[in-house]
Amino acid sequence: MNKINHALIMAAGRGTRMAPLTNIIPKPMAPLWGSTLIANGIKKLVPHVPNLHITVGYKGAELAKHVIELGVHSVFNTEGKGNSWWIFNTLLASINEPVLVLTSDNVTDLKIDLILEEYKRLGSPACMVVPVLPVNGLVGDFIHHQENCVIKLDRNDPAESYCSGIQILNPYKINQMMSSVEDFGEVWENLIQKNELFCSSIFPDKWFTIDTIEQLTQMNSQQS
């Protein structure tokens, strides 16, 4: 596997911390740099990944129309489902190759080829999370690992890096290893027990996540 053929952006959340804006529009459609938060992510992926997928939930019809117009290939309605439901219950479940997964609130620059090479170097595990250095004011699951094999993810036990919301996973492998679960925390816990959760030594070139109106305002004040 010399390239990533599939990427998925998780965009189903309600974005309650960005109310009242998200009472009107879905969080991924928040205005960013003259466009939208999710459009920024899609624009960066389209030149590099031939098949782009999105999960929608809250205000899903409006968001689905928006992302299809931006060139997304498939939209999965996960309304009322957990954030890992799609791995087990959509057509992606049968994909036996690496899938790049991001969240719609990530503002990031990635060298996808380098991250894929790292995934292969680590033995093409069921899942590889891409870490970032902790950012003041942003919450994340701290990564505890031994030679890149993750032994614990813990929000309250600090470590040198934490999860960015970016990962490469193989849906088919995950389905072979566990029954369907709806929360990524459960997926990761299962994979930790099987020594199938790894963390990359390659970090994003740039990373920020937008969870509040204040963070959105801060990001809009910077150059894209």
Protein backbone atom coordinates (compact mmCIF):
# COMPACT_ATOMS: atom_id res chain seq x y z
CA MET A 1 0.00 0.00 0.00
CA ASN A 2 1.77 3.09 -1.28
CA LYS A 3 -0.94 5.66 -0.70
CA ILE A 4 -3.99 6.35 1.40
CA ASN A 5 -7.09 5.63 -0.67
CA HIS A 6 -9.72 6.49 1.93
CA ALA A 7 -10.13 9.28 4.49
CA LEU A 8 -13.04 9.96 6.82
CA ILE A 9 -13.89 13.16 8.65
CA MET A 10 -16.09 12.70 11.73
CA ALA A 11 -18.56 15.59 11.72
CA ALA A 12 -21.61 14.32 13.57
CA GLY A 13 -21.26 16.14 16.89
CA ARG A 14 -23.67 18.76 18.15
CA GLY A 15 -21.01 21.30 19.15
CA THR A 16 -22.82 22.47 22.28
CA ARG A 17 -19.81 24.49 23.47
CA MET A 18 -20.17 26.69 20.39
CA ALA A 19 -23.78 27.69 21.06
CA PRO A 20 -25.60 29.87 20.14
CA LEU A 21 -23.87 29.58 16.73
CA THR A 22 -24.52 25.84 16.61
CA ASN A 23 -28.20 26.35 17.36
CA ILE A 24 -28.37 27.70 13.80
CA ILE A 25 -25.76 25.72 11.86
CA PRO A 26 -23.81 22.49 12.43
CA LYS A 27 -20.40 23.08 14.01
CA PRO A 28 -18.43 21.90 10.93
CA MET A 29 -20.04 24.75 8.95
CA ALA A 30 -18.70 27.41 11.34
CA PRO A 31 -17.13 30.25 9.32
CA LEU A 32 -13.36 29.99 8.90
CA TRP A 33 -11.16 32.09 6.61
CA GLY A 34 -14.00 33.01 4.29
CA SER A 35 -15.18 29.43 4.01
CA THR A 36 -16.12 26.81 6.64
CA LEU A 37 -14.28 24.71 9.19
CA ILE A 38 -14.93 21.44 7.37
CA ALA A 39 -14.28 22.92 3.92
CA ASN A 40 -10.77 23.79 5.12
CA GLY A 41 -10.14 20.14 6.03
CA ILE A 42 -11.68 18.78 2.83
CA LYS A 43 -9.65 21.16 0.66
CA LYS A 44 -6.42 19.80 2.15
CA LEU A 45 -7.43 16.14 1.66
CA VAL A 46 -8.95 16.18 -1.83
CA PRO A 47 -5.63 16.45 -3.75
CA HIS A 48 -4.14 13.50 -1.87
CA VAL A 49 -6.95 11.01 -1.09
CA PRO A 50 -9.21 9.67 -3.88
CA ASN A 51 -12.13 8.61 -1.63
CA LEU A 52 -13.37 11.00 1.03
CA HIS A 53 -16.14 10.09 3.50
CA ILE A 54 -17.97 12.09 6.17
CA THR A 55 -20.14 11.15 9.14
CA VAL A 56 -23.03 13.49 9.86
CA GLY A 57 -25.56 13.66 12.68
CA TYR A 58 -26.79 16.97 14.08
CA LYS A 59 -28.35 19.03 11.25
CA GLY A 60 -27.12 16.22 9.01
CA ALA A 61 -29.08 17.06 5.85
CA GLU A 62 -27.71 20.59 5.74
CA LEU A 63 -24.15 19.41 6.38
CA ALA A 64 -24.42 16.55 3.85
CA LYS A 65 -25.44 18.97 1.10
CA HIS A 66 -22.52 21.25 1.99
CA VAL A 67 -19.85 18.54 1.89
CA ILE A 68 -21.15 16.84 -1.26
CA GLU A 69 -20.83 20.17 -3.04
CA LEU A 70 -17.20 20.24 -1.82
CA GLY A 71 -16.38 16.91 -3.48
CA VAL A 72 -17.00 14.34 -0.72
CA HIS A 73 -17.79 10.87 -2.09
CA SER A 74 -20.01 9.39 0.61
CA VAL A 75 -21.91 10.58 3.65
CA PHE A 76 -22.87 8.30 6.55
CA ASN A 77 -25.78 9.33 8.75
CA THR A 78 -24.76 8.49 12.34
CA GLU A 79 -27.49 10.48 14.09
CA GLY A 80 -27.97 9.06 17.59
CA LYS A 81 -24.95 6.76 17.26
CA GLY A 82 -21.55 6.82 18.95
CA ASN A 83 -18.40 8.13 17.28
CA SER A 84 -17.04 4.68 16.35
CA TRP A 85 -20.36 3.21 15.10
CA TRP A 86 -19.37 3.73 11.47
CA ILE A 87 -16.40 1.33 11.73
CA PHE A 88 -18.74 -1.60 12.30
CA ASN A 89 -22.02 -0.63 10.60
CA THR A 90 -21.24 0.97 7.24
CA LEU A 91 -19.70 -0.22 3.98
CA LEU A 92 -16.33 0.92 5.35
CA ALA A 93 -16.33 -2.11 7.69
CA SER A 94 -15.01 -4.31 4.87
CA ILE A 95 -12.10 -2.06 3.90
CA ASN A 96 -8.89 -3.99 4.56
CA GLU A 97 -6.45 -1.12 4.15
CA PRO A 98 -5.46 2.02 6.08
CA VAL A 99 -8.10 4.73 6.43
CA LEU A 100 -7.07 8.21 7.54
CA VAL A 101 -9.51 9.53 10.17
CA LEU A 102 -9.82 13.14 11.31
CA THR A 103 -12.34 15.20 13.23
CA SER A 104 -14.08 18.15 11.64
CA ASP A 105 -12.82 20.56 14.31
CA ASN A 106 -9.14 19.86 13.50
CA VAL A 107 -7.23 22.66 11.82
CA THR A 108 -4.09 20.86 10.77
CA ASP A 109 -1.36 20.38 8.19
CA LEU A 110 -0.32 16.78 7.60
CA LYS A 111 2.32 15.08 5.51
CA ILE A 112 0.07 12.13 4.67
CA ASP A 113 2.80 10.14 2.91
CA LEU A 114 5.10 10.37 5.94
CA ILE A 115 2.32 9.29 8.30
CA LEU A 116 1.53 6.30 6.06
CA GLU A 117 5.21 5.31 6.03
CA GLU A 118 5.22 5.47 9.83
CA TYR A 119 2.09 3.30 9.97
CA LYS A 120 3.81 0.69 7.80
CA ARG A 121 7.02 0.93 9.86
CA LEU A 122 4.99 0.04 12.94
CA GLY A 123 3.67 -3.10 11.25
CA SER A 124 0.34 -1.77 9.89
CA PRO A 125 -1.54 -2.21 13.19
CA ALA A 126 -5.31 -2.10 13.58
CA CYS A 127 -4.98 1.53 14.64
CA MET A 128 -2.27 4.18 14.92
CA VAL A 129 -3.10 7.46 16.64
CA VAL A 130 -1.23 10.58 15.57
CA PRO A 131 -0.08 12.54 18.64
CA VAL A 132 0.54 16.21 19.24
CA LEU A 133 2.33 18.12 21.94
CA PRO A 134 -0.15 19.35 24.57
CA VAL A 135 -1.62 22.78 23.78
CA ASN A 136 -2.61 25.06 26.63
CA GLY A 137 -6.40 25.26 26.87
CA LEU A 138 -7.08 22.19 24.70
CA VAL A 139 -8.09 18.91 26.35
CA GLY A 140 -6.78 15.56 25.11
CA ASP A 141 -6.10 11.96 26.08
CA PHE A 142 -2.46 11.65 27.13
CA ILE A 143 -0.59 8.81 25.43
CA HIS A 144 1.52 6.41 27.48
CA HIS A 145 3.51 4.01 25.28
CA GLN A 146 6.48 1.70 25.10
CA GLU A 147 8.33 1.91 21.77
CA ASN A 148 5.17 3.33 20.14
CA CYS A 149 2.89 0.55 21.43
CA VAL A 150 0.23 2.30 23.50
CA ILE A 151 -0.25 0.95 27.01
CA LYS A 152 -2.63 3.61 28.34
CA LEU A 153 -4.68 6.62 27.26
CA ASP A 154 -5.61 8.85 30.17
CA ARG A 155 -7.04 12.36 30.24
CA ASN A 156 -5.83 12.94 33.81
CA ASP A 157 -2.36 11.36 33.82
CA PRO A 158 -0.03 13.73 31.92
CA ALA A 159 2.46 12.46 29.35
CA GLU A 160 4.64 14.07 26.68
CA SER A 161 1.96 13.92 23.99
CA TYR A 162 -1.76 13.43 23.59
CA CYS A 163 -4.26 12.35 20.96
CA SER A 164 -4.96 14.85 18.20
CA GLY A 165 -8.16 13.33 16.82
CA ILE A 166 -6.13 12.11 13.82
CA GLN A 167 -5.51 8.40 13.30
CA ILE A 168 -4.96 5.71 10.70
CA LEU A 169 -7.01 2.56 11.18
CA ASN A 170 -7.94 -0.59 9.32
CA PRO A 171 -11.72 -1.18 9.69
CA TYR A 172 -11.57 -4.81 8.58
CA LYS A 173 -8.87 -5.67 11.12
CA ILE A 174 -10.81 -3.96 13.90
CA ASN A 175 -13.96 -5.90 13.00
CA GLN A 176 -11.99 -9.16 13.17
CA MET A 177 -10.76 -8.30 16.67
CA MET A 178 -13.89 -7.13 18.48
CA SER A 179 -17.65 -6.88 18.47
CA SER A 180 -19.31 -3.62 17.53
CA VAL A 181 -18.88 -0.78 20.03
CA GLU A 182 -20.00 2.82 19.66
CA ASP A 183 -17.28 4.76 21.45
CA PHE A 184 -13.67 5.21 20.37
CA GLY A 185 -12.60 4.89 23.98
CA GLU A 186 -13.85 1.29 23.92
CA VAL A 187 -12.19 0.62 20.56
CA TRP A 188 -8.86 1.86 21.85
CA GLU A 189 -9.17 -0.04 25.13
CA ASN A 190 -9.83 -3.27 23.24
CA LEU A 191 -6.85 -2.65 20.95
CA ILE A 192 -4.54 -1.78 23.87
CA GLN A 193 -5.32 -5.18 25.38
CA LYS A 194 -4.37 -6.82 22.08
CA ASN A 195 -1.21 -4.70 21.56
CA GLU A 196 -2.79 -3.33 18.38
CA LEU A 197 -2.90 0.38 19.26
CA PHE A 198 0.21 2.32 18.32
CA CYS A 199 1.18 5.98 18.28
CA SER A 200 3.08 7.69 15.52
CA SER A 201 6.51 9.29 15.99
CA ILE A 202 5.49 11.69 13.19
CA PHE A 203 3.56 14.73 14.42
CA PRO A 204 1.39 17.10 12.35
CA ASP A 205 3.20 20.18 11.03
CA LYS A 206 0.43 22.33 12.49
CA TRP A 207 -2.47 21.43 14.74
CA PHE A 208 -5.29 23.16 16.56
CA THR A 209 -8.81 22.11 17.43
CA ILE A 210 -11.78 24.48 17.57
CA ASP A 211 -14.24 23.76 20.33
CA THR A 212 -15.48 27.20 21.42
CA ILE A 213 -16.48 30.51 19.86
CA GLU A 214 -13.35 32.05 21.40
CA GLN A 215 -11.10 29.50 19.68
CA LEU A 216 -12.93 30.08 16.39
CA THR A 217 -12.40 33.83 16.72
CA GLN A 218 -8.73 33.28 17.55
CA MET A 219 -8.21 31.08 14.49
CA ASN A 220 -10.04 33.50 12.18
CA SER A 221 -7.66 36.24 13.28
CA GLN A 222 -4.72 34.23 11.91
CA GLN A 223 -3.70 33.56 8.33
CA SER A 224 -4.86 30.27 6.80
